[in-house]
N, C-alpha and C. Protein backbone atom coordinates (compact mmCIF):
# COMPACT_ATOMS: atom_id res chain seq x y z
N MET A 1 -24.31 -72.33 1.04
CA MET A 1 -22.93 -71.89 0.12
C MET A 1 -23.73 -70.51 -0.08
N THR A 2 -23.03 -69.69 -0.13
CA THR A 2 -23.24 -68.37 -0.67
C THR A 2 -22.69 -67.91 -1.98
N VAL A 3 -23.48 -67.44 -2.70
CA VAL A 3 -23.16 -66.86 -4.20
C VAL A 3 -22.06 -66.02 -4.48
N ARG A 4 -21.14 -66.33 -5.29
CA ARG A 4 -19.97 -65.44 -5.19
C ARG A 4 -20.30 -64.24 -6.42
N VAL A 5 -20.06 -62.68 -5.67
CA VAL A 5 -20.56 -61.55 -6.37
C VAL A 5 -19.42 -60.70 -7.04
N GLU A 6 -19.77 -60.81 -8.67
CA GLU A 6 -19.17 -59.70 -8.91
C GLU A 6 -19.48 -58.71 -9.13
N ILE A 7 -19.22 -57.90 -8.74
CA ILE A 7 -19.72 -55.91 -9.54
C ILE A 7 -18.96 -55.39 -10.16
N SER A 8 -19.28 -55.00 -11.22
CA SER A 8 -18.32 -54.14 -12.26
C SER A 8 -19.74 -53.00 -12.68
N THR A 9 -18.79 -51.86 -12.80
CA THR A 9 -19.43 -50.12 -12.86
C THR A 9 -18.95 -49.73 -14.37
N HIS A 10 -19.78 -48.77 -15.02
CA HIS A 10 -19.61 -48.04 -16.09
C HIS A 10 -20.18 -46.73 -15.79
N ASN A 11 -18.95 -45.75 -15.92
CA ASN A 11 -19.69 -44.05 -15.80
C ASN A 11 -20.45 -43.89 -14.32
N ILE A 12 -20.00 -44.99 -13.21
CA ILE A 12 -20.76 -44.59 -11.91
C ILE A 12 -19.76 -44.97 -11.15
N ASP A 13 -19.65 -44.20 -9.43
CA ASP A 13 -18.86 -44.27 -9.04
C ASP A 13 -19.67 -45.77 -7.51
N LEU A 14 -19.03 -46.60 -7.35
CA LEU A 14 -18.99 -47.88 -6.45
C LEU A 14 -18.91 -47.13 -5.18
N SER A 15 -20.36 -46.59 -4.26
CA SER A 15 -19.71 -46.35 -3.07
C SER A 15 -20.15 -47.59 -1.87
N LYS A 16 -19.69 -47.34 -0.90
CA LYS A 16 -19.70 -48.74 -0.08
C LYS A 16 -20.79 -49.17 0.36
N ARG A 17 -21.68 -48.16 0.53
CA ARG A 17 -23.23 -48.45 0.67
C ARG A 17 -23.44 -49.08 -0.24
N LEU A 18 -23.46 -48.55 -1.60
CA LEU A 18 -24.42 -49.25 -2.50
C LEU A 18 -23.99 -50.74 -2.62
N GLU A 19 -22.36 -50.81 -2.46
CA GLU A 19 -21.84 -52.20 -2.80
C GLU A 19 -22.30 -53.06 -1.29
N GLY A 20 -22.07 -52.56 -0.59
CA GLY A 20 -22.95 -53.22 0.85
C GLY A 20 -23.76 -54.02 0.43
N TYR A 21 -24.98 -53.12 -0.15
CA TYR A 21 -26.52 -53.35 -0.18
C TYR A 21 -26.55 -54.43 -1.22
N ILE A 22 -25.94 -54.36 -2.67
CA ILE A 22 -25.83 -55.17 -3.36
C ILE A 22 -25.27 -56.81 -3.27
N THR A 23 -24.42 -56.75 -2.40
CA THR A 23 -23.63 -57.74 -2.26
C THR A 23 -24.51 -58.77 -1.19
N LYS A 24 -24.99 -57.85 0.13
CA LYS A 24 -26.08 -58.48 1.06
C LYS A 24 -26.84 -59.11 0.17
N LYS A 25 -27.69 -58.61 -0.80
CA LYS A 25 -28.91 -59.19 -1.38
C LYS A 25 -28.63 -60.22 -2.66
N ALA A 26 -27.44 -59.96 -3.20
CA ALA A 26 -27.03 -61.08 -4.20
C ALA A 26 -26.63 -62.34 -3.88
N GLU A 27 -25.85 -62.37 -2.58
CA GLU A 27 -25.08 -63.83 -1.94
C GLU A 27 -26.29 -64.25 -1.48
N LYS A 28 -27.53 -63.76 -1.27
CA LYS A 28 -28.90 -64.70 -0.95
C LYS A 28 -29.51 -65.36 -1.98
N LEU A 29 -29.07 -65.06 -3.34
CA LEU A 29 -29.86 -66.16 -4.39
C LEU A 29 -29.88 -67.43 -4.67
N ASP A 30 -29.02 -68.15 -3.86
CA ASP A 30 -28.76 -69.07 -3.96
C ASP A 30 -29.99 -69.73 -2.90
N ARG A 31 -30.79 -69.18 -1.98
CA ARG A 31 -31.72 -69.42 -1.76
C ARG A 31 -33.18 -69.53 -2.38
N HIS A 32 -33.30 -69.24 -3.51
CA HIS A 32 -34.06 -69.26 -4.16
C HIS A 32 -33.90 -70.63 -6.08
N LEU A 33 -32.66 -70.66 -5.66
CA LEU A 33 -31.85 -71.85 -7.13
C LEU A 33 -30.58 -72.46 -6.50
N GLU A 34 -30.86 -73.57 -5.93
CA GLU A 34 -29.89 -74.25 -5.06
C GLU A 34 -28.34 -74.11 -5.95
N VAL A 35 -28.54 -74.21 -7.42
CA VAL A 35 -27.60 -74.70 -8.35
C VAL A 35 -26.30 -73.39 -8.63
N LEU A 36 -27.04 -72.11 -8.29
CA LEU A 36 -26.14 -70.65 -8.39
C LEU A 36 -24.73 -70.60 -7.83
N GLU A 37 -23.55 -70.46 -8.61
CA GLU A 37 -22.57 -70.25 -7.98
C GLU A 37 -21.76 -68.86 -8.16
N GLU A 38 -22.22 -68.15 -9.01
CA GLU A 38 -21.59 -66.54 -9.34
C GLU A 38 -22.83 -65.81 -9.72
N ALA A 39 -23.08 -64.53 -9.32
CA ALA A 39 -23.83 -63.70 -9.94
C ALA A 39 -23.03 -62.23 -10.13
N LYS A 40 -23.00 -61.94 -11.40
CA LYS A 40 -22.35 -60.58 -11.83
C LYS A 40 -23.51 -59.46 -11.95
N VAL A 41 -23.07 -58.37 -11.37
CA VAL A 41 -24.13 -57.28 -11.33
C VAL A 41 -22.97 -56.13 -12.22
N ASP A 42 -23.75 -55.72 -13.31
CA ASP A 42 -23.44 -54.50 -14.05
C ASP A 42 -23.90 -53.69 -13.79
N LEU A 43 -23.26 -51.98 -13.43
CA LEU A 43 -24.15 -50.93 -12.94
C LEU A 43 -23.57 -49.90 -14.09
N THR A 44 -24.31 -49.09 -15.00
CA THR A 44 -24.06 -48.43 -15.88
C THR A 44 -24.98 -47.03 -15.40
N PHE A 45 -24.29 -46.06 -15.86
CA PHE A 45 -24.96 -44.73 -15.85
C PHE A 45 -24.57 -44.05 -17.43
N GLU A 46 -25.88 -44.04 -18.41
CA GLU A 46 -25.93 -43.75 -19.33
C GLU A 46 -26.19 -42.43 -19.72
N LYS A 47 -25.42 -41.40 -20.14
CA LYS A 47 -25.97 -39.84 -20.22
C LYS A 47 -26.92 -39.68 -21.18
N THR A 48 -26.37 -40.81 -22.28
CA THR A 48 -27.12 -40.15 -23.47
C THR A 48 -28.55 -40.98 -23.54
N ALA A 49 -29.03 -41.19 -22.59
CA ALA A 49 -30.34 -42.51 -22.33
C ALA A 49 -31.51 -40.91 -22.95
N ARG A 50 -32.51 -41.70 -23.78
CA ARG A 50 -33.68 -40.92 -24.19
C ARG A 50 -34.50 -39.97 -23.34
N SER A 51 -34.86 -41.08 -22.11
CA SER A 51 -35.31 -40.15 -21.00
C SER A 51 -34.40 -39.78 -19.53
N PRO A 52 -34.40 -38.96 -19.10
CA PRO A 52 -33.83 -38.87 -17.53
C PRO A 52 -34.05 -40.05 -16.28
N THR A 53 -35.15 -40.88 -17.04
CA THR A 53 -35.40 -41.82 -15.96
C THR A 53 -35.21 -43.14 -16.35
N ASP A 54 -34.18 -42.94 -17.63
CA ASP A 54 -34.02 -44.43 -18.01
C ASP A 54 -32.20 -44.47 -17.96
N ARG A 55 -31.57 -43.47 -16.98
CA ARG A 55 -30.11 -43.32 -17.07
C ARG A 55 -29.29 -44.41 -16.55
N GLN A 56 -30.15 -45.03 -14.97
CA GLN A 56 -29.18 -45.57 -14.27
C GLN A 56 -29.63 -47.37 -14.55
N ILE A 57 -28.58 -48.33 -15.39
CA ILE A 57 -28.95 -49.46 -15.66
C ILE A 57 -28.28 -50.60 -14.48
N ALA A 58 -29.14 -51.35 -14.19
CA ALA A 58 -28.71 -52.22 -13.53
C ALA A 58 -29.16 -53.73 -14.38
N GLN A 59 -27.79 -54.42 -14.13
CA GLN A 59 -28.09 -55.45 -14.93
C GLN A 59 -27.17 -56.93 -14.07
N LEU A 60 -27.94 -57.59 -13.77
CA LEU A 60 -27.62 -59.00 -13.23
C LEU A 60 -27.90 -60.01 -13.82
N THR A 61 -26.71 -60.84 -13.71
CA THR A 61 -26.38 -62.44 -14.50
C THR A 61 -25.99 -63.55 -13.55
N VAL A 62 -27.09 -64.25 -13.45
CA VAL A 62 -26.67 -65.36 -12.56
C VAL A 62 -26.22 -66.65 -13.36
N ARG A 63 -25.09 -67.26 -12.31
CA ARG A 63 -24.74 -68.65 -13.75
C ARG A 63 -24.34 -70.06 -12.41
N GLY A 64 -24.96 -71.21 -12.57
CA GLY A 64 -24.80 -72.38 -12.08
C GLY A 64 -24.55 -73.52 -13.00
N LYS A 65 -24.56 -74.25 -12.21
CA LYS A 65 -24.67 -75.83 -13.10
C LYS A 65 -25.79 -75.95 -13.80
N GLY A 66 -26.02 -75.63 -15.31
CA GLY A 66 -26.46 -75.90 -16.10
C GLY A 66 -27.68 -74.69 -16.36
N VAL A 67 -27.51 -73.58 -15.56
CA VAL A 67 -28.31 -72.22 -15.47
C VAL A 67 -27.52 -71.19 -15.89
N LEU A 68 -28.24 -70.49 -16.77
CA LEU A 68 -27.78 -68.88 -17.34
C LEU A 68 -28.98 -68.17 -17.17
N LEU A 69 -28.97 -67.22 -16.13
CA LEU A 69 -30.41 -66.37 -16.46
C LEU A 69 -29.97 -64.82 -15.90
N ARG A 70 -30.64 -64.03 -16.58
CA ARG A 70 -30.84 -62.47 -16.56
C ARG A 70 -31.06 -61.78 -16.52
N ALA A 71 -31.56 -60.42 -16.07
CA ALA A 71 -32.47 -59.41 -15.78
C ALA A 71 -31.83 -58.09 -15.71
N GLU A 72 -32.60 -57.04 -16.32
CA GLU A 72 -31.98 -55.62 -16.51
C GLU A 72 -32.93 -54.66 -16.26
N GLU A 73 -32.74 -53.66 -15.57
CA GLU A 73 -33.59 -52.67 -15.25
C GLU A 73 -33.17 -50.99 -15.38
N ARG A 74 -33.77 -50.33 -15.89
CA ARG A 74 -33.86 -49.07 -16.30
C ARG A 74 -34.38 -47.85 -15.40
N THR A 75 -34.09 -47.54 -14.41
CA THR A 75 -34.61 -46.37 -13.68
C THR A 75 -33.67 -45.06 -13.53
N ASP A 76 -34.36 -44.06 -12.76
CA ASP A 76 -33.39 -42.83 -12.18
C ASP A 76 -32.71 -42.94 -10.88
N ASP A 77 -32.87 -44.39 -10.31
CA ASP A 77 -32.20 -44.36 -9.08
C ASP A 77 -31.94 -46.00 -9.46
N ILE A 78 -29.96 -45.96 -8.94
CA ILE A 78 -29.45 -47.48 -9.27
C ILE A 78 -29.95 -48.05 -7.65
N PHE A 79 -30.25 -47.80 -6.71
CA PHE A 79 -30.68 -48.76 -6.05
C PHE A 79 -32.18 -49.42 -6.76
N ALA A 80 -33.26 -48.50 -6.56
CA ALA A 80 -34.33 -49.24 -7.21
C ALA A 80 -34.01 -49.97 -8.68
N ALA A 81 -33.28 -49.53 -9.46
CA ALA A 81 -32.99 -50.18 -10.74
C ALA A 81 -32.43 -51.73 -10.50
N PHE A 82 -31.40 -51.85 -9.42
CA PHE A 82 -30.96 -53.15 -8.88
C PHE A 82 -32.16 -53.85 -7.89
N ASP A 83 -32.93 -53.00 -7.22
CA ASP A 83 -34.01 -54.02 -6.61
C ASP A 83 -35.10 -54.65 -7.76
N THR A 84 -35.47 -53.79 -9.02
CA THR A 84 -36.01 -54.28 -9.94
C THR A 84 -35.79 -55.24 -10.79
N ALA A 85 -34.54 -55.03 -11.17
CA ALA A 85 -33.59 -56.38 -11.75
C ALA A 85 -33.70 -57.49 -10.66
N LEU A 86 -33.44 -57.47 -9.60
CA LEU A 86 -33.83 -58.65 -8.66
C LEU A 86 -34.80 -59.62 -8.60
N ASP A 87 -35.82 -58.48 -8.68
CA ASP A 87 -37.33 -59.14 -8.75
C ASP A 87 -37.23 -59.99 -9.73
N ARG A 88 -37.15 -58.97 -10.69
CA ARG A 88 -37.50 -59.91 -12.26
C ARG A 88 -36.87 -61.62 -12.47
N LEU A 89 -35.20 -61.22 -11.92
CA LEU A 89 -34.62 -62.44 -11.60
C LEU A 89 -35.06 -63.82 -10.96
N ILE A 90 -35.32 -63.46 -9.58
CA ILE A 90 -36.23 -64.22 -8.77
C ILE A 90 -37.05 -64.88 -9.46
N ARG A 91 -38.42 -63.82 -10.26
CA ARG A 91 -39.24 -64.74 -10.88
C ARG A 91 -39.06 -65.82 -12.13
N GLN A 92 -37.80 -64.84 -12.66
CA GLN A 92 -37.32 -66.11 -13.88
C GLN A 92 -36.63 -67.50 -12.76
N MET A 93 -36.01 -67.41 -11.91
CA MET A 93 -36.00 -68.66 -11.05
C MET A 93 -36.97 -69.53 -10.86
N GLU A 94 -37.76 -68.79 -10.34
CA GLU A 94 -38.85 -69.77 -9.76
C GLU A 94 -39.65 -70.25 -11.20
N ARG A 95 -39.66 -69.41 -12.27
CA ARG A 95 -39.99 -70.14 -13.46
C ARG A 95 -39.06 -71.25 -13.86
N TYR A 96 -38.07 -70.98 -13.65
CA TYR A 96 -37.06 -72.09 -14.28
C TYR A 96 -37.19 -73.33 -13.19
N LYS A 97 -37.23 -73.09 -11.90
CA LYS A 97 -37.53 -74.30 -10.93
C LYS A 97 -38.88 -74.92 -11.47
N GLY A 98 -39.94 -74.32 -11.76
CA GLY A 98 -41.04 -75.13 -12.20
C GLY A 98 -41.21 -75.74 -13.28
N ARG A 99 -40.35 -75.58 -14.19
CA ARG A 99 -40.05 -76.30 -15.66
C ARG A 99 -39.33 -77.41 -15.22
N HIS A 100 -38.18 -77.12 -14.43
CA HIS A 100 -36.86 -78.53 -14.18
C HIS A 100 -37.28 -79.17 -13.43
N TYR A 101 -37.78 -78.56 -12.36
CA TYR A 101 -38.18 -79.64 -11.06
C TYR A 101 -39.53 -79.77 -10.89
N ARG A 102 -40.62 -79.32 -11.40
CA ARG A 102 -41.93 -80.01 -11.11
C ARG A 102 -42.47 -80.26 -12.72
N GLY A 103 -41.65 -79.59 -13.88
CA GLY A 103 -42.53 -79.79 -14.92
C GLY A 103 -42.90 -81.39 -15.56
N ARG A 104 -42.22 -82.02 -15.67
CA ARG A 104 -42.67 -83.28 -16.60
C ARG A 104 -43.31 -84.64 -15.57
N GLY A 105 -42.90 -84.67 -14.27
CA GLY A 105 -43.60 -85.53 -13.78
C GLY A 105 -43.31 -87.03 -13.99
N ASP A 106 -42.67 -87.16 -14.82
CA ASP A 106 -42.45 -88.46 -15.03
C ASP A 106 -41.04 -89.24 -14.93
N GLY A 107 -40.00 -88.12 -14.26
CA GLY A 107 -38.80 -88.50 -14.22
C GLY A 107 -38.00 -88.40 -15.20
N ARG A 108 -38.18 -87.36 -16.12
CA ARG A 108 -37.05 -87.67 -17.11
C ARG A 108 -36.50 -86.10 -17.32
N SER A 109 -34.94 -86.30 -17.29
CA SER A 109 -34.31 -84.93 -17.37
C SER A 109 -35.09 -83.99 -18.72
N LEU A 110 -34.99 -83.04 -18.84
CA LEU A 110 -35.25 -82.57 -19.96
C LEU A 110 -34.25 -82.69 -21.04
N ALA A 111 -33.11 -83.21 -20.80
CA ALA A 111 -32.45 -83.70 -22.12
C ALA A 111 -32.66 -85.16 -22.43
N ASP A 112 -33.52 -85.71 -22.16
CA ASP A 112 -34.00 -87.04 -22.29
C ASP A 112 -35.05 -86.52 -23.22
N VAL A 113 -36.03 -85.37 -23.21
CA VAL A 113 -36.98 -85.37 -24.13
C VAL A 113 -36.79 -85.13 -25.75
N PRO A 114 -37.37 -85.67 -26.52
CA PRO A 114 -36.82 -85.39 -28.01
C PRO A 114 -37.34 -84.24 -28.21
N GLY A 115 -36.60 -83.39 -29.07
CA GLY A 115 -36.65 -82.63 -29.84
C GLY A 115 -37.40 -82.38 -31.46
N GLU A 116 -37.79 -81.38 -31.54
CA GLU A 116 -38.28 -81.42 -32.88
C GLU A 116 -37.11 -80.64 -33.69
N GLY A 117 -36.75 -80.96 -34.78
CA GLY A 117 -35.54 -80.21 -35.77
C GLY A 117 -35.98 -78.70 -36.39
N VAL A 118 -35.43 -77.94 -36.43
CA VAL A 118 -35.79 -76.41 -37.02
C VAL A 118 -34.84 -76.22 -38.09
N GLU A 119 -35.37 -75.90 -39.27
CA GLU A 119 -34.91 -75.66 -40.44
C GLU A 119 -33.87 -74.13 -40.06
N ALA A 120 -32.79 -74.42 -40.81
CA ALA A 120 -31.69 -73.05 -40.98
C ALA A 120 -31.82 -72.44 -41.65
N GLU A 121 -31.34 -70.88 -41.24
CA GLU A 121 -31.07 -69.79 -42.78
C GLU A 121 -30.03 -69.01 -42.16
N PRO A 122 -28.95 -69.06 -43.00
CA PRO A 122 -27.89 -68.17 -42.45
C PRO A 122 -28.37 -66.12 -41.95
N GLY A 123 -27.38 -65.79 -41.04
CA GLY A 123 -27.91 -64.36 -40.86
C GLY A 123 -26.81 -63.72 -41.28
N GLU A 124 -27.17 -62.66 -41.36
CA GLU A 124 -26.38 -61.37 -42.38
C GLU A 124 -25.26 -60.68 -40.55
N PRO A 125 -24.14 -60.58 -41.87
CA PRO A 125 -22.96 -59.90 -40.58
C PRO A 125 -23.35 -58.80 -40.00
N GLY A 126 -22.76 -58.45 -38.48
CA GLY A 126 -22.67 -57.09 -38.45
C GLY A 126 -22.49 -56.03 -38.76
N GLU A 127 -22.22 -54.96 -38.52
CA GLU A 127 -21.60 -53.95 -39.12
C GLU A 127 -20.37 -53.06 -38.12
N VAL A 128 -20.31 -52.83 -37.41
CA VAL A 128 -19.71 -52.75 -36.21
C VAL A 128 -19.67 -53.55 -34.87
N ILE A 129 -18.90 -53.77 -34.65
CA ILE A 129 -18.50 -54.50 -33.36
C ILE A 129 -18.46 -53.08 -32.17
N SER A 130 -19.66 -52.73 -31.12
CA SER A 130 -19.67 -52.01 -30.16
C SER A 130 -19.50 -52.65 -29.11
N ARG A 131 -19.52 -53.54 -28.38
CA ARG A 131 -19.77 -54.36 -27.41
C ARG A 131 -19.41 -55.87 -27.06
N ARG A 132 -18.45 -56.25 -26.80
CA ARG A 132 -17.90 -57.52 -26.95
C ARG A 132 -18.77 -58.27 -25.35
N LYS A 133 -18.71 -59.46 -25.49
CA LYS A 133 -19.28 -60.01 -24.22
C LYS A 133 -18.67 -61.74 -24.43
N SER A 134 -18.73 -62.48 -23.36
CA SER A 134 -17.92 -63.95 -23.10
C SER A 134 -19.19 -64.37 -22.32
N PHE A 135 -19.14 -65.52 -22.42
CA PHE A 135 -19.54 -66.43 -21.36
C PHE A 135 -19.62 -68.24 -21.98
N ARG A 136 -19.70 -68.99 -20.76
CA ARG A 136 -19.40 -70.27 -21.09
C ARG A 136 -20.68 -70.80 -21.69
N LEU A 137 -20.33 -71.58 -22.62
CA LEU A 137 -21.02 -72.41 -23.33
C LEU A 137 -21.60 -73.91 -22.26
N THR A 138 -22.78 -74.14 -22.37
CA THR A 138 -23.34 -75.17 -21.19
C THR A 138 -23.88 -75.94 -22.45
N PRO A 139 -23.47 -77.63 -22.49
CA PRO A 139 -23.94 -78.49 -23.20
C PRO A 139 -25.46 -78.36 -22.85
N MET A 140 -26.41 -78.30 -23.91
CA MET A 140 -27.70 -78.58 -24.03
C MET A 140 -28.50 -78.99 -25.21
N ASP A 141 -29.72 -79.41 -25.25
CA ASP A 141 -30.36 -79.98 -26.08
C ASP A 141 -30.82 -78.81 -27.10
N GLU A 142 -31.62 -78.78 -28.25
CA GLU A 142 -32.62 -77.24 -28.91
C GLU A 142 -33.44 -77.22 -27.69
N LEU A 143 -34.40 -77.92 -27.15
CA LEU A 143 -35.53 -77.51 -26.06
C LEU A 143 -35.03 -76.70 -25.60
N GLU A 144 -33.78 -77.09 -24.64
CA GLU A 144 -33.37 -76.60 -23.77
C GLU A 144 -32.89 -75.26 -23.75
N ALA A 145 -32.20 -74.93 -25.09
CA ALA A 145 -31.66 -74.03 -25.53
C ALA A 145 -33.33 -72.40 -26.13
N VAL A 146 -34.17 -73.18 -26.24
CA VAL A 146 -35.44 -72.25 -26.54
C VAL A 146 -35.66 -72.12 -25.26
N GLU A 147 -35.70 -72.92 -24.10
CA GLU A 147 -36.22 -72.54 -22.94
C GLU A 147 -35.22 -71.13 -22.55
N GLN A 148 -34.08 -71.77 -22.36
CA GLN A 148 -33.32 -70.43 -21.99
C GLN A 148 -33.46 -69.29 -22.77
N MET A 149 -33.23 -69.01 -24.28
CA MET A 149 -33.49 -68.21 -24.90
C MET A 149 -34.63 -67.37 -24.31
N GLN A 150 -35.93 -67.87 -23.93
CA GLN A 150 -37.20 -67.08 -23.34
C GLN A 150 -36.67 -66.74 -21.69
N LEU A 151 -36.42 -67.31 -20.98
CA LEU A 151 -35.88 -67.12 -19.53
C LEU A 151 -35.07 -65.71 -19.81
N LEU A 152 -34.21 -65.93 -20.60
CA LEU A 152 -33.05 -64.56 -20.62
C LEU A 152 -33.85 -63.62 -21.47
N GLY A 153 -35.05 -64.10 -21.92
CA GLY A 153 -35.58 -62.43 -22.83
C GLY A 153 -34.81 -62.04 -23.94
N HIS A 154 -33.91 -63.12 -24.37
CA HIS A 154 -33.35 -62.71 -25.81
C HIS A 154 -34.29 -63.10 -27.03
N ASP A 155 -34.96 -62.16 -27.59
CA ASP A 155 -35.94 -62.02 -28.51
C ASP A 155 -35.22 -62.52 -29.82
N ASP A 156 -33.79 -62.28 -29.92
CA ASP A 156 -33.48 -62.39 -31.50
C ASP A 156 -32.81 -63.47 -31.57
N PHE A 157 -31.97 -63.97 -30.54
CA PHE A 157 -30.79 -65.28 -30.72
C PHE A 157 -30.34 -65.47 -29.39
N PHE A 158 -30.08 -66.67 -29.66
CA PHE A 158 -29.13 -67.52 -28.53
C PHE A 158 -28.25 -68.54 -28.97
N VAL A 159 -27.03 -68.46 -28.57
CA VAL A 159 -25.72 -69.47 -28.96
C VAL A 159 -25.83 -70.43 -27.48
N PHE A 160 -25.29 -71.79 -28.12
CA PHE A 160 -25.46 -72.65 -27.49
C PHE A 160 -24.52 -73.99 -28.09
N LEU A 161 -24.04 -75.03 -27.07
CA LEU A 161 -23.31 -75.92 -27.37
C LEU A 161 -24.24 -76.82 -27.40
N ASP A 162 -24.47 -77.74 -28.48
CA ASP A 162 -25.30 -79.08 -28.72
C ASP A 162 -24.89 -79.80 -27.89
N ALA A 163 -25.67 -80.74 -27.11
CA ALA A 163 -24.92 -81.63 -26.43
C ALA A 163 -24.61 -82.54 -26.99
N THR A 164 -25.35 -83.20 -28.08
CA THR A 164 -25.28 -84.49 -29.00
C THR A 164 -24.15 -84.56 -29.71
N THR A 165 -23.82 -83.10 -30.88
CA THR A 165 -23.05 -82.88 -31.58
C THR A 165 -21.69 -82.46 -31.30
N GLN A 166 -21.63 -81.74 -29.91
CA GLN A 166 -20.30 -80.73 -29.42
C GLN A 166 -20.30 -79.80 -30.28
N GLN A 167 -21.04 -79.47 -30.90
CA GLN A 167 -21.34 -77.90 -31.86
C GLN A 167 -21.50 -76.66 -31.62
N VAL A 168 -21.53 -75.65 -31.77
CA VAL A 168 -22.06 -74.61 -31.37
C VAL A 168 -23.17 -74.15 -32.57
N ARG A 169 -24.28 -73.82 -31.81
CA ARG A 169 -25.61 -73.35 -32.76
C ARG A 169 -25.96 -72.34 -32.19
N VAL A 170 -26.81 -71.86 -33.40
CA VAL A 170 -27.50 -70.29 -33.01
C VAL A 170 -29.04 -70.38 -33.42
N LEU A 171 -29.46 -70.26 -32.03
CA LEU A 171 -31.06 -70.30 -32.17
C LEU A 171 -31.41 -68.86 -32.47
N TYR A 172 -32.36 -68.52 -33.77
CA TYR A 172 -32.90 -67.31 -33.70
C TYR A 172 -34.06 -67.50 -33.91
N ARG A 173 -34.91 -65.98 -34.05
CA ARG A 173 -36.28 -65.85 -34.58
C ARG A 173 -36.06 -64.85 -35.70
N ARG A 174 -37.04 -66.05 -36.37
CA ARG A 174 -37.32 -65.43 -37.79
C ARG A 174 -38.11 -64.04 -37.77
N ARG A 175 -38.06 -63.60 -38.86
CA ARG A 175 -39.12 -62.45 -39.22
C ARG A 175 -40.74 -63.23 -39.45
N ASP A 176 -40.98 -64.02 -39.53
CA ASP A 176 -42.55 -64.29 -39.47
C ASP A 176 -42.79 -64.70 -38.01
N GLY A 177 -41.77 -64.81 -37.37
CA GLY A 177 -41.90 -65.29 -35.63
C GLY A 177 -41.57 -66.64 -35.24
N THR A 178 -41.36 -67.81 -36.27
CA THR A 178 -41.10 -69.03 -36.14
C THR A 178 -39.51 -68.61 -35.58
N LEU A 179 -38.99 -69.95 -35.23
CA LEU A 179 -37.61 -70.27 -34.81
C LEU A 179 -36.63 -70.81 -35.82
N GLY A 180 -35.15 -70.33 -35.91
CA GLY A 180 -34.51 -70.76 -37.17
C GLY A 180 -33.03 -71.50 -36.12
N LEU A 181 -32.54 -72.27 -36.72
CA LEU A 181 -31.46 -72.72 -36.13
C LEU A 181 -30.28 -72.74 -37.18
N ILE A 182 -28.70 -72.27 -36.65
CA ILE A 182 -27.93 -72.24 -37.64
C ILE A 182 -27.07 -73.45 -36.91
N GLU A 183 -26.25 -74.27 -37.50
CA GLU A 183 -25.54 -75.42 -37.41
C GLU A 183 -24.26 -75.23 -37.58
N THR A 184 -23.37 -74.66 -37.23
CA THR A 184 -21.99 -74.52 -37.27
C THR A 184 -21.26 -75.78 -37.74
N GLU A 185 -20.05 -75.53 -38.37
CA GLU A 185 -19.42 -76.34 -38.60
C GLU A 185 -17.91 -76.12 -38.92
N VAL A 186 -16.71 -76.68 -38.65
CA VAL A 186 -15.45 -76.10 -39.02
C VAL A 186 -15.22 -76.23 -40.37
N ALA A 187 -14.71 -75.13 -41.39
CA ALA A 187 -14.43 -75.48 -42.39
C ALA A 187 -12.52 -75.83 -42.61
């Protein structure tokens, strides 16, 4: 089964050559991780980048059953940016497989491993919404959320659906380097 590939561009023309190159490589990602269903590739040209070598941006996001991984790279060539981001994503998939398929050795799934609670502190609201993103919430426990936060490279926060309570939670990094957890409830 091949991965469904979705390519979106911002301030960049998608040539047939580039589209074919990306599609050919992204469709083969399920060779590294069998549960992958879709790959989203965002290509951007940023005129206001600090350095001319950081203007071409390739961001890859893959989704599958219980998996959400992302990699981003900035260079002066869109092909090189895509290749480097793809290499990073493949390394993340290998780490993910190592943790999930070979990690514990006792036959328990990650959801069965008990987690330790983390004390919550409310965050501050943002000033201006400059970008909107949407993603599917996959039920997971706190340990899986910490692992996904690290795999995605999210240093500040991670939003997830708690598997036991079915409530949306926000995991975030505190100033002292520890993690905090915001537990939501409907008012």
